[in-house]
Amino acid sequence: MQGWRSRMWWDWRRRRRTRRRGSG
């Protein structure tokens, strides 16, 4: 139960960084 959690956490974190940079 740590594989999907780590993957989702990294996924949303990496996406948020790129989205925030492009949006801002």
N, C-alpha and C. Protein backbone atom coordinates (compact mmCIF):
# COMPACT_ATOMS: atom_id res chain seq x y z
N MET A 1 0.85 -1.22 0.00
CA MET A 1 0.00 0.00 0.00
C MET A 1 0.88 1.26 0.00
N GLN A 2 2.15 1.07 -0.27
CA GLN A 2 3.04 2.25 -0.27
C GLN A 2 3.45 2.60 -1.70
N GLY A 3 3.19 1.68 -2.61
CA GLY A 3 3.58 1.94 -4.01
C GLY A 3 2.66 2.99 -4.66
N TRP A 4 1.37 2.76 -4.59
CA TRP A 4 0.43 3.71 -5.24
C TRP A 4 0.50 5.07 -4.51
N ARG A 5 0.72 5.04 -3.22
CA ARG A 5 0.74 6.31 -2.46
C ARG A 5 1.97 7.14 -2.90
N SER A 6 3.08 6.51 -2.98
CA SER A 6 4.31 7.25 -3.37
C SER A 6 4.18 7.74 -4.81
N ARG A 7 3.61 6.91 -5.64
CA ARG A 7 3.46 7.29 -7.08
C ARG A 7 2.47 8.45 -7.20
N MET A 8 1.38 8.37 -6.54
CA MET A 8 0.37 9.46 -6.64
C MET A 8 0.95 10.76 -6.06
N TRP A 9 1.64 10.62 -4.94
CA TRP A 9 2.20 11.82 -4.30
C TRP A 9 3.19 12.53 -5.22
N TRP A 10 4.06 11.72 -5.83
CA TRP A 10 5.06 12.32 -6.75
C TRP A 10 4.38 12.86 -7.99
N ASP A 11 3.38 12.12 -8.45
CA ASP A 11 2.68 12.53 -9.69
C ASP A 11 2.00 13.90 -9.50
N TRP A 12 1.20 14.03 -8.48
CA TRP A 12 0.47 15.30 -8.28
C TRP A 12 1.47 16.42 -7.90
N ARG A 13 2.51 16.05 -7.24
CA ARG A 13 3.48 17.09 -6.83
C ARG A 13 4.21 17.61 -8.10
N ARG A 14 4.63 16.71 -8.94
CA ARG A 14 5.35 17.14 -10.16
C ARG A 14 4.39 17.89 -11.09
N ARG A 15 3.18 17.45 -11.15
CA ARG A 15 2.20 18.11 -12.07
C ARG A 15 1.88 19.50 -11.51
N ARG A 16 1.72 19.61 -10.25
CA ARG A 16 1.34 20.91 -9.65
C ARG A 16 2.49 21.92 -9.92
N ARG A 17 3.69 21.49 -9.80
CA ARG A 17 4.83 22.41 -10.01
C ARG A 17 4.82 22.94 -11.46
N THR A 18 4.61 22.04 -12.39
CA THR A 18 4.63 22.49 -13.80
C THR A 18 3.37 23.33 -14.10
N ARG A 19 2.29 22.94 -13.54
CA ARG A 19 1.01 23.67 -13.83
C ARG A 19 1.11 25.06 -13.18
N ARG A 20 1.60 25.14 -12.02
CA ARG A 20 1.68 26.44 -11.32
C ARG A 20 2.64 27.36 -12.12
N ARG A 21 3.70 26.82 -12.59
CA ARG A 21 4.69 27.65 -13.32
C ARG A 21 4.04 28.16 -14.63
N GLY A 22 3.32 27.28 -15.30
CA GLY A 22 2.70 27.70 -16.57
C GLY A 22 1.52 28.64 -16.32
N SER A 23 0.78 28.38 -15.27
CA SER A 23 -0.41 29.21 -14.97
C SER A 23 0.06 30.58 -14.46
N GLY A 24 1.09 30.56 -13.62
CA GLY A 24 1.55 31.83 -13.03
C GLY A 24 2.46 32.52 -14.01
